[in-house]
Amino acid sequence: MNHIWFVTFEVPRRGTLIERRSPRATCTFATEAEAKEFARVKFEEGLIVTAGTIIPHLPRQAIPSSRIAAWIEPSAEKTDGNPATDPETGKPK
């Protein structure tokens, strides 16, 4: 399986005396949908999350923590652009 997306998130401290070398962890995913779902879970836990595509995958995408909330939102259904279509339902008028 070719993983092309990554999600990086902060690792919560567990009160141990020994500090971790890296307070962040990264998981990889084959699809953007899988990465978004994982990012959504971590974001809802209150963790700082970033995501993007793994190099050399093109087009390169990087989603900083400041844009994660918008990225994980379910996208609104788009109408087909037909003026005879109701924009709310997408059905013919």
PDB file of N, CA and C in Angstrom:
ATOM      1  N   MET A   1       0.848  -1.177   0.000  1.00  0.00           N
ATOM      2  CA  MET A   1       0.000   0.000   0.000  1.00  0.00           C
ATOM      3  C   MET A   1       0.891   1.237   0.000  1.00  0.00           C
ATOM      4  N   ASN A   2       0.568   2.166  -0.879  1.00  0.00           N
ATOM      5  CA  ASN A   2       1.367   3.371  -1.029  1.00  0.00           C
ATOM      6  C   ASN A   2       0.755   4.507  -0.204  1.00  0.00           C
ATOM      7  N   HIS A   3       1.386   4.835   0.895  1.00  0.00           N
ATOM      8  CA  HIS A   3       0.897   5.923   1.746  1.00  0.00           C
ATOM      9  C   HIS A   3       1.419   7.243   1.206  1.00  0.00           C
ATOM     10  N   ILE A   4       0.492   8.184   0.969  1.00  0.00           N
ATOM     11  CA  ILE A   4       0.910   9.476   0.422  1.00  0.00           C
ATOM     12  C   ILE A   4       0.530  10.646   1.319  1.00  0.00           C
ATOM     13  N   TRP A   5      -0.256  10.410   2.376  1.00  0.00           N
ATOM     14  CA  TRP A   5      -0.656  11.472   3.305  1.00  0.00           C
ATOM     15  C   TRP A   5      -0.064  11.200   4.682  1.00  0.00           C
ATOM     16  N   PHE A   6       0.232  12.279   5.395  1.00  0.00           N
ATOM     17  CA  PHE A   6       0.682  12.138   6.782  1.00  0.00           C
ATOM     18  C   PHE A   6      -0.118  13.077   7.668  1.00  0.00           C
ATOM     19  N   VAL A   7      -0.240  12.701   8.925  1.00  0.00           N
ATOM     20  CA  VAL A   7      -0.821  13.562   9.954  1.00  0.00           C
ATOM     21  C   VAL A   7       0.138  13.532  11.132  1.00  0.00           C
ATOM     22  N   THR A   8       0.568  14.702  11.565  1.00  0.00           N
ATOM     23  CA  THR A   8       1.457  14.834  12.708  1.00  0.00           C
ATOM     24  C   THR A   8       0.677  15.494  13.833  1.00  0.00           C
ATOM     25  N   PHE A   9       0.855  14.978  15.050  1.00  0.00           N
ATOM     26  CA  PHE A   9       0.114  15.514  16.179  1.00  0.00           C
ATOM     27  C   PHE A   9       0.999  15.507  17.413  1.00  0.00           C
ATOM     28  N   GLU A  10       0.686  16.420  18.336  1.00  0.00           N
ATOM     29  CA  GLU A  10       1.456  16.470  19.568  1.00  0.00           C
ATOM     30  C   GLU A  10       1.113  15.259  20.421  1.00  0.00           C
ATOM     31  N   VAL A  11       2.104  14.739  21.124  1.00  0.00           N
ATOM     32  CA  VAL A  11       1.896  13.608  22.023  1.00  0.00           C
ATOM     33  C   VAL A  11       1.686  14.187  23.416  1.00  0.00           C
ATOM     34  N   PRO A  12       0.524  13.900  24.027  1.00  0.00           N
ATOM     35  CA  PRO A  12       0.285  14.454  25.359  1.00  0.00           C
ATOM     36  C   PRO A  12       1.291  13.900  26.369  1.00  0.00           C
ATOM     37  N   ARG A  13       1.720  14.736  27.279  1.00  0.00           N
ATOM     38  CA  ARG A  13       2.657  14.306  28.321  1.00  0.00           C
ATOM     39  C   ARG A  13       1.912  13.470  29.337  1.00  0.00           C
ATOM     40  N   ARG A  14       2.592  12.472  29.858  1.00  0.00           N
ATOM     41  CA  ARG A  14       1.953  11.564  30.799  1.00  0.00           C
ATOM     42  C   ARG A  14       2.476  11.725  32.215  1.00  0.00           C
ATOM     43  N   GLY A  15       3.175  12.800  32.485  1.00  0.00           N
ATOM     44  CA  GLY A  15       3.649  13.054  33.834  1.00  0.00           C
ATOM     45  C   GLY A  15       4.895  12.289  34.224  1.00  0.00           C
ATOM     46  N   THR A  16       5.589  11.713  33.266  1.00  0.00           N
ATOM     47  CA  THR A  16       6.813  10.988  33.581  1.00  0.00           C
ATOM     48  C   THR A  16       7.964  11.976  33.734  1.00  0.00           C
ATOM     49  N   LEU A  17       8.964  11.579  34.451  1.00  0.00           N
ATOM     50  CA  LEU A  17      10.125  12.443  34.648  1.00  0.00           C
ATOM     51  C   LEU A  17      11.014  12.512  33.415  1.00  0.00           C
ATOM     52  N   ILE A  18      11.028  11.435  32.640  1.00  0.00           N
ATOM     53  CA  ILE A  18      11.885  11.411  31.456  1.00  0.00           C
ATOM     54  C   ILE A  18      11.155  12.105  30.312  1.00  0.00           C
ATOM     55  N   GLU A  19      11.801  13.100  29.727  1.00  0.00           N
ATOM     56  CA  GLU A  19      11.220  13.825  28.608  1.00  0.00           C
ATOM     57  C   GLU A  19      11.390  13.010  27.330  1.00  0.00           C
ATOM     58  N   ARG A  20      10.404  13.039  26.475  1.00  0.00           N
ATOM     59  CA  ARG A  20      10.510  12.392  25.171  1.00  0.00           C
ATOM     60  C   ARG A  20      11.408  13.231  24.275  1.00  0.00           C
ATOM     61  N   ARG A  21      12.110  12.555  23.361  1.00  0.00           N
ATOM     62  CA  ARG A  21      12.943  13.298  22.419  1.00  0.00           C
ATOM     63  C   ARG A  21      12.089  14.156  21.507  1.00  0.00           C
ATOM     64  N   SER A  22      10.949  13.627  21.086  1.00  0.00           N
ATOM     65  CA  SER A  22      10.062  14.370  20.208  1.00  0.00           C
ATOM     66  C   SER A  22       8.654  14.338  20.791  1.00  0.00           C
ATOM     67  N   PRO A  23       8.095  15.486  21.074  1.00  0.00           N
ATOM     68  CA  PRO A  23       6.740  15.502  21.636  1.00  0.00           C
ATOM     69  C   PRO A  23       5.660  15.348  20.565  1.00  0.00           C
ATOM     70  N   ARG A  24       6.048  14.917  19.357  1.00  0.00           N
ATOM     71  CA  ARG A  24       5.091  14.758  18.267  1.00  0.00           C
ATOM     72  C   ARG A  24       5.208  13.347  17.697  1.00  0.00           C
ATOM     73  N   ALA A  25       4.114  12.881  17.101  1.00  0.00           N
ATOM     74  CA  ALA A  25       4.097  11.583  16.432  1.00  0.00           C
ATOM     75  C   ALA A  25       3.458  11.777  15.062  1.00  0.00           C
ATOM     76  N   THR A  26       3.802  10.895  14.127  1.00  0.00           N
ATOM     77  CA  THR A  26       3.285  10.985  12.768  1.00  0.00           C
ATOM     78  C   THR A  26       2.729   9.636  12.332  1.00  0.00           C
ATOM     79  N   CYS A  27       1.570   9.670  11.669  1.00  0.00           N
ATOM     80  CA  CYS A  27       0.968   8.479  11.073  1.00  0.00           C
ATOM     81  C   CYS A  27       0.791   8.757   9.587  1.00  0.00           C
ATOM     82  N   THR A  28       0.882   7.709   8.753  1.00  0.00           N
ATOM     83  CA  THR A  28       0.719   7.876   7.316  1.00  0.00           C
ATOM     84  C   THR A  28      -0.538   7.150   6.843  1.00  0.00           C
ATOM     85  N   PHE A  29      -1.079   7.627   5.714  1.00  0.00           N
ATOM     86  CA  PHE A  29      -2.344   7.122   5.195  1.00  0.00           C
ATOM     87  C   PHE A  29      -2.301   7.054   3.676  1.00  0.00           C
ATOM     88  N   ALA A  30      -3.089   6.148   3.109  1.00  0.00           N
ATOM     89  CA  ALA A  30      -3.141   5.981   1.662  1.00  0.00           C
ATOM     90  C   ALA A  30      -4.021   7.037   0.998  1.00  0.00           C
ATOM     91  N   THR A  31      -5.039   7.519   1.711  1.00  0.00           N
ATOM     92  CA  THR A  31      -5.962   8.478   1.099  1.00  0.00           C
ATOM     93  C   THR A  31      -6.117   9.724   1.967  1.00  0.00           C
ATOM     94  N   GLU A  32      -6.549  10.794   1.327  1.00  0.00           N
ATOM     95  CA  GLU A  32      -6.796  12.038   2.047  1.00  0.00           C
ATOM     96  C   GLU A  32      -7.955  11.861   3.026  1.00  0.00           C
ATOM     97  N   ALA A  33      -8.970  11.083   2.637  1.00  0.00           N
ATOM     98  CA  ALA A  33     -10.133  10.861   3.508  1.00  0.00           C
ATOM     99  C   ALA A  33      -9.718  10.181   4.815  1.00  0.00           C
ATOM    100  N   GLU A  34      -8.829   9.194   4.734  1.00  0.00           N
ATOM    101  CA  GLU A  34      -8.341   8.521   5.945  1.00  0.00           C
ATOM    102  C   GLU A  34      -7.554   9.493   6.813  1.00  0.00           C
ATOM    103  N   ALA A  35      -6.720  10.305   6.175  1.00  0.00           N
ATOM    104  CA  ALA A  35      -5.925  11.287   6.920  1.00  0.00           C
ATOM    105  C   ALA A  35      -6.829  12.304   7.601  1.00  0.00           C
ATOM    106  N   LYS A  36      -7.870  12.766   6.894  1.00  0.00           N
ATOM    107  CA  LYS A  36      -8.797  13.738   7.481  1.00  0.00           C
ATOM    108  C   LYS A  36      -9.514  13.157   8.695  1.00  0.00           C
ATOM    109  N   GLU A  37      -9.965  11.916   8.588  1.00  0.00           N
ATOM    110  CA  GLU A  37     -10.693  11.304   9.709  1.00  0.00           C
ATOM    111  C   GLU A  37      -9.787  11.174  10.932  1.00  0.00           C
ATOM    112  N   PHE A  38      -8.548  10.739  10.728  1.00  0.00           N
ATOM    113  CA  PHE A  38      -7.604  10.623  11.834  1.00  0.00           C
ATOM    114  C   PHE A  38      -7.307  11.994  12.428  1.00  0.00           C
ATOM    115  N   ALA A  39      -7.093  12.992  11.560  1.00  0.00           N
ATOM    116  CA  ALA A  39      -6.816  14.354  12.022  1.00  0.00           C
ATOM    117  C   ALA A  39      -7.994  14.903  12.812  1.00  0.00           C
ATOM    118  N   ARG A  40      -9.216  14.598  12.361  1.00  0.00           N
ATOM    119  CA  ARG A  40     -10.416  15.063  13.054  1.00  0.00           C
ATOM    120  C   ARG A  40     -10.448  14.521  14.490  1.00  0.00           C
ATOM    121  N   VAL A  41     -10.132  13.244  14.655  1.00  0.00           N
ATOM    122  CA  VAL A  41     -10.133  12.625  15.992  1.00  0.00           C
ATOM    123  C   VAL A  41      -9.109  13.311  16.899  1.00  0.00           C
ATOM    124  N   LYS A  42      -7.903  13.487  16.394  1.00  0.00           N
ATOM    125  CA  LYS A  42      -6.850  14.115  17.201  1.00  0.00           C
ATOM    126  C   LYS A  42      -7.177  15.572  17.508  1.00  0.00           C
ATOM    127  N   PHE A  43      -7.738  16.293  16.520  1.00  0.00           N
ATOM    128  CA  PHE A  43      -8.114  17.695  16.715  1.00  0.00           C
ATOM    129  C   PHE A  43      -9.201  17.799  17.782  1.00  0.00           C
ATOM    130  N   GLU A  44     -10.176  16.892  17.743  1.00  0.00           N
ATOM    131  CA  GLU A  44     -11.252  16.909  18.734  1.00  0.00           C
ATOM    132  C   GLU A  44     -10.758  16.545  20.133  1.00  0.00           C
ATOM    133  N   GLU A  45      -9.612  15.862  20.215  1.00  0.00           N
ATOM    134  CA  GLU A  45      -8.989  15.581  21.511  1.00  0.00           C
ATOM    135  C   GLU A  45      -8.256  16.807  22.049  1.00  0.00           C
ATOM    136  N   GLY A  46      -8.203  17.871  21.249  1.00  0.00           N
ATOM    137  CA  GLY A  46      -7.550  19.104  21.670  1.00  0.00           C
ATOM    138  C   GLY A  46      -6.068  19.154  21.366  1.00  0.00           C
ATOM    139  N   LEU A  47      -5.589  18.260  20.505  1.00  0.00           N
ATOM    140  CA  LEU A  47      -4.171  18.240  20.168  1.00  0.00           C
ATOM    141  C   LEU A  47      -3.875  19.158  18.990  1.00  0.00           C
ATOM    142  N   ILE A  48      -2.638  19.607  18.890  1.00  0.00           N
ATOM    143  CA  ILE A  48      -2.203  20.416  17.754  1.00  0.00           C
ATOM    144  C   ILE A  48      -1.877  19.448  16.617  1.00  0.00           C
ATOM    145  N   VAL A  49      -2.508  19.660  15.462  1.00  0.00           N
ATOM    146  CA  VAL A  49      -2.409  18.726  14.339  1.00  0.00           C
ATOM    147  C   VAL A  49      -1.952  19.464  13.087  1.00  0.00           C
ATOM    148  N   THR A  50      -1.079  18.830  12.309  1.00  0.00           N
ATOM    149  CA  THR A  50      -0.711  19.305  10.980  1.00  0.00           C
ATOM    150  C   THR A  50      -0.812  18.109  10.034  1.00  0.00           C
ATOM    151  N   ALA A  51      -0.881  18.367   8.736  1.00  0.00           N
ATOM    152  CA  ALA A  51      -1.008  17.276   7.772  1.00  0.00           C
ATOM    153  C   ALA A  51      -0.418  17.692   6.442  1.00  0.00           C
ATOM    154  N   GLY A  52      -0.306  16.728   5.541  1.00  0.00           N
ATOM    155  CA  GLY A  52       0.180  17.036   4.200  1.00  0.00           C
ATOM    156  C   GLY A  52       0.480  15.781   3.420  1.00  0.00           C
ATOM    157  N   THR A  53       1.026  15.977   2.229  1.00  0.00           N
ATOM    158  CA  THR A  53       1.420  14.858   1.389  1.00  0.00           C
ATOM    159  C   THR A  53       2.898  14.571   1.598  1.00  0.00           C
ATOM    160  N   ILE A  54       3.229  13.310   1.439  1.00  0.00           N
ATOM    161  CA  ILE A  54       4.611  12.868   1.623  1.00  0.00           C
ATOM    162  C   ILE A  54       5.389  13.122   0.340  1.00  0.00           C
ATOM    163  N   ILE A  55       6.567  13.700   0.463  1.00  0.00           N
ATOM    164  CA  ILE A  55       7.436  13.937  -0.684  1.00  0.00           C
ATOM    165  C   ILE A  55       7.854  12.572  -1.218  1.00  0.00           C
ATOM    166  N   PRO A  56       7.813  12.252  -2.480  1.00  0.00           N
ATOM    167  CA  PRO A  56       7.754  13.101  -3.652  1.00  0.00           C
ATOM    168  C   PRO A  56       6.361  13.212  -4.267  1.00  0.00           C
ATOM    169  N   HIS A  57       5.303  12.886  -3.537  1.00  0.00           N
ATOM    170  CA  HIS A  57       3.962  12.946  -4.104  1.00  0.00           C
ATOM    171  C   HIS A  57       3.622  14.366  -4.543  1.00  0.00           C
ATOM    172  N   LEU A  58       3.098  14.484  -5.757  1.00  0.00           N
ATOM    173  CA  LEU A  58       2.703  15.787  -6.293  1.00  0.00           C
ATOM    174  C   LEU A  58       1.221  15.771  -6.600  1.00  0.00           C
ATOM    175  N   PRO A  59       0.493  16.833  -6.469  1.00  0.00           N
ATOM    176  CA  PRO A  59       0.967  18.127  -6.007  1.00  0.00           C
ATOM    177  C   PRO A  59       1.202  18.119  -4.503  1.00  0.00           C
ATOM    178  N   ARG A  60       2.230  18.795  -4.080  1.00  0.00           N
ATOM    179  CA  ARG A  60       2.603  18.878  -2.676  1.00  0.00           C
ATOM    180  C   ARG A  60       1.561  19.690  -1.931  1.00  0.00           C
ATOM    181  N   GLN A  61       1.073  19.152  -0.825  1.00  0.00           N
ATOM    182  CA  GLN A  61       0.117  19.867   0.003  1.00  0.00           C
ATOM    183  C   GLN A  61       0.599  19.853   1.440  1.00  0.00           C
ATOM    184  N   ALA A  62       0.496  20.989   2.089  1.00  0.00           N
ATOM    185  CA  ALA A  62       0.850  21.110   3.505  1.00  0.00           C
ATOM    186  C   ALA A  62      -0.275  21.868   4.188  1.00  0.00           C
ATOM    187  N   ILE A  63      -0.817  21.273   5.239  1.00  0.00           N
ATOM    188  CA  ILE A  63      -1.906  21.902   5.971  1.00  0.00           C
ATOM    189  C   ILE A  63      -1.382  22.242   7.365  1.00  0.00           C
ATOM    190  N   PRO A  64      -1.129  23.526   7.627  1.00  0.00           N
ATOM    191  CA  PRO A  64      -0.627  23.927   8.941  1.00  0.00           C
ATOM    192  C   PRO A  64      -1.732  23.813   9.993  1.00  0.00           C
ATOM    193  N   SER A  65      -1.345  23.824  11.238  1.00  0.00           N
ATOM    194  CA  SER A  65      -2.317  23.685  12.330  1.00  0.00           C
ATOM    195  C   SER A  65      -3.381  24.779  12.291  1.00  0.00           C
ATOM    196  N   SER A  66      -3.049  25.944  11.781  1.00  0.00           N
ATOM    197  CA  SER A  66      -4.017  27.039  11.721  1.00  0.00           C
ATOM    198  C   SER A  66      -5.131  26.785  10.698  1.00  0.00           C
ATOM    199  N   ARG A  67      -4.924  25.844   9.760  1.00  0.00           N
ATOM    200  CA  ARG A  67      -5.929  25.550   8.740  1.00  0.00           C
ATOM    201  C   ARG A  67      -6.566  24.179   8.893  1.00  0.00           C
ATOM    202  N   ILE A  68      -6.176  23.421   9.905  1.00  0.00           N
ATOM    203  CA  ILE A  68      -6.700  22.062  10.082  1.00  0.00           C
ATOM    204  C   ILE A  68      -8.214  22.056  10.240  1.00  0.00           C
ATOM    205  N   ALA A  69      -8.766  22.953  11.046  1.00  0.00           N
ATOM    206  CA  ALA A  69     -10.217  22.958  11.280  1.00  0.00           C
ATOM    207  C   ALA A  69     -10.985  23.082   9.966  1.00  0.00           C
ATOM    208  N   ALA A  70     -10.545  23.946   9.077  1.00  0.00           N
ATOM    209  CA  ALA A  70     -11.211  24.115   7.783  1.00  0.00           C
ATOM    210  C   ALA A  70     -11.004  22.886   6.898  1.00  0.00           C
ATOM    211  N   TRP A  71      -9.826  22.280   6.959  1.00  0.00           N
ATOM    212  CA  TRP A  71      -9.511  21.128   6.115  1.00  0.00           C
ATOM    213  C   TRP A  71     -10.346  19.899   6.493  1.00  0.00           C
ATOM    214  N   ILE A  72     -10.589  19.702   7.782  1.00  0.00           N
ATOM    215  CA  ILE A  72     -11.323  18.503   8.206  1.00  0.00           C
ATOM    216  C   ILE A  72     -12.836  18.664   8.150  1.00  0.00           C
ATOM    217  N   GLU A  73     -13.321  19.890   7.880  1.00  0.00           N
ATOM    218  CA  GLU A  73     -14.761  20.099   7.751  1.00  0.00           C
ATOM    219  C   GLU A  73     -15.292  19.275   6.586  1.00  0.00           C
ATOM    220  N   PRO A  74     -16.483  18.682   6.757  1.00  0.00           N
ATOM    221  CA  PRO A  74     -17.076  17.997   5.601  1.00  0.00           C
ATOM    222  C   PRO A  74     -17.386  19.032   4.520  1.00  0.00           C
ATOM    223  N   SER A  75     -17.010  18.731   3.303  1.00  0.00           N
ATOM    224  CA  SER A  75     -17.258  19.696   2.224  1.00  0.00           C
ATOM    225  C   SER A  75     -18.739  19.716   1.892  1.00  0.00           C
ATOM    226  N   ALA A  76     -19.232  20.916   1.608  1.00  0.00           N
ATOM    227  CA  ALA A  76     -20.643  21.089   1.279  1.00  0.00           C
ATOM    228  C   ALA A  76     -20.916  20.487  -0.093  1.00  0.00           C
ATOM    229  N   GLU A  77     -22.107  19.945  -0.253  1.00  0.00           N
ATOM    230  CA  GLU A  77     -22.512  19.406  -1.550  1.00  0.00           C
ATOM    231  C   GLU A  77     -22.561  20.555  -2.550  1.00  0.00           C
ATOM    232  N   LYS A  78     -22.014  20.333  -3.711  1.00  0.00           N
ATOM    233  CA  LYS A  78     -21.993  21.373  -4.733  1.00  0.00           C
ATOM    234  C   LYS A  78     -23.110  21.096  -5.737  1.00  0.00           C
ATOM    235  N   THR A  79     -23.707  22.164  -6.227  1.00  0.00           N
ATOM    236  CA  THR A  79     -24.719  22.002  -7.267  1.00  0.00           C
ATOM    237  C   THR A  79     -24.022  21.860  -8.601  1.00  0.00           C
ATOM    238  N   ASP A  80     -24.773  21.407  -9.592  1.00  0.00           N
ATOM    239  CA  ASP A  80     -24.177  21.197 -10.905  1.00  0.00           C
ATOM    240  C   ASP A  80     -24.074  22.477 -11.722  1.00  0.00           C
ATOM    241  N   GLY A  81     -24.481  23.622 -11.158  1.00  0.00           N
ATOM    242  CA  GLY A  81     -24.388  24.894 -11.849  1.00  0.00           C
ATOM    243  C   GLY A  81     -25.561  25.164 -12.773  1.00  0.00           C
ATOM    244  N   ASN A  82     -26.503  24.237 -12.845  1.00  0.00           N
ATOM    245  CA  ASN A  82     -27.664  24.402 -13.689  1.00  0.00           C
ATOM    246  C   ASN A  82     -28.633  25.369 -13.008  1.00  0.00           C
ATOM    247  N   PRO A  83     -29.013  26.495 -13.658  1.00  0.00           N
ATOM    248  CA  PRO A  83     -29.902  27.461 -13.015  1.00  0.00           C
ATOM    249  C   PRO A  83     -31.289  26.883 -12.747  1.00  0.00           C
ATOM    250  N   ALA A  84     -31.653  25.786 -13.404  1.00  0.00           N
ATOM    251  CA  ALA A  84     -32.952  25.159 -13.165  1.00  0.00           C
ATOM    252  C   ALA A  84     -32.888  24.207 -11.975  1.00  0.00           C
ATOM    253  N   THR A  85     -31.791  24.220 -11.257  1.00  0.00           N
ATOM    254  CA  THR A  85     -31.608  23.346 -10.102  1.00  0.00           C
ATOM    255  C   THR A  85     -31.731  24.156  -8.823  1.00  0.00           C
ATOM    256  N   ASP A  86     -32.453  23.626  -7.857  1.00  0.00           N
ATOM    257  CA  ASP A  86     -32.581  24.280  -6.558  1.00  0.00           C
ATOM    258  C   ASP A  86     -31.215  24.231  -5.869  1.00  0.00           C
ATOM    259  N   PRO A  87     -30.618  25.381  -5.501  1.00  0.00           N
ATOM    260  CA  PRO A  87     -29.276  25.383  -4.911  1.00  0.00           C
ATOM    261  C   PRO A  87     -29.216  24.692  -3.553  1.00  0.00           C
ATOM    262  N   GLU A  88     -30.315  24.594  -2.834  1.00  0.00           N
ATOM    263  CA  GLU A  88     -30.291  23.948  -1.522  1.00  0.00           C
ATOM    264  C   GLU A  88     -30.350  22.436  -1.617  1.00  0.00           C
ATOM    265  N   THR A  89     -31.148  21.919  -2.551  1.00  0.00           N
ATOM    266  CA  THR A  89     -31.334  20.469  -2.642  1.00  0.00           C
ATOM    267  C   THR A  89     -30.584  19.838  -3.797  1.00  0.00           C
ATOM    268  N   GLY A  90     -30.259  20.649  -4.823  1.00  0.00           N
ATOM    269  CA  GLY A  90     -29.596  20.101  -6.010  1.00  0.00           C
ATOM    270  C   GLY A  90     -30.548  19.406  -6.953  1.00  0.00           C
ATOM    271  N   LYS A  91     -31.859  19.451  -6.611  1.00  0.00           N
ATOM    272  CA  LYS A  91     -32.867  18.797  -7.444  1.00  0.00           C
ATOM    273  C   LYS A  91     -33.474  19.807  -8.420  1.00  0.00           C
ATOM    274  N   PRO A  92     -33.996  19.300  -9.542  1.00  0.00           N
ATOM    275  CA  PRO A  92     -34.629  20.228 -10.499  1.00  0.00           C
ATOM    276  C   PRO A  92     -35.786  20.973  -9.865  1.00  0.00           C
ATOM    277  N   LYS A  93     -35.978  22.239 -10.270  1.00  0.00           N
ATOM    278  CA  LYS A  93     -37.066  23.077  -9.732  1.00  0.00           C
ATOM    279  C   LYS A  93     -38.389  22.702 -10.367  1.00  0.00           C
TER     280      LYS A  93
END
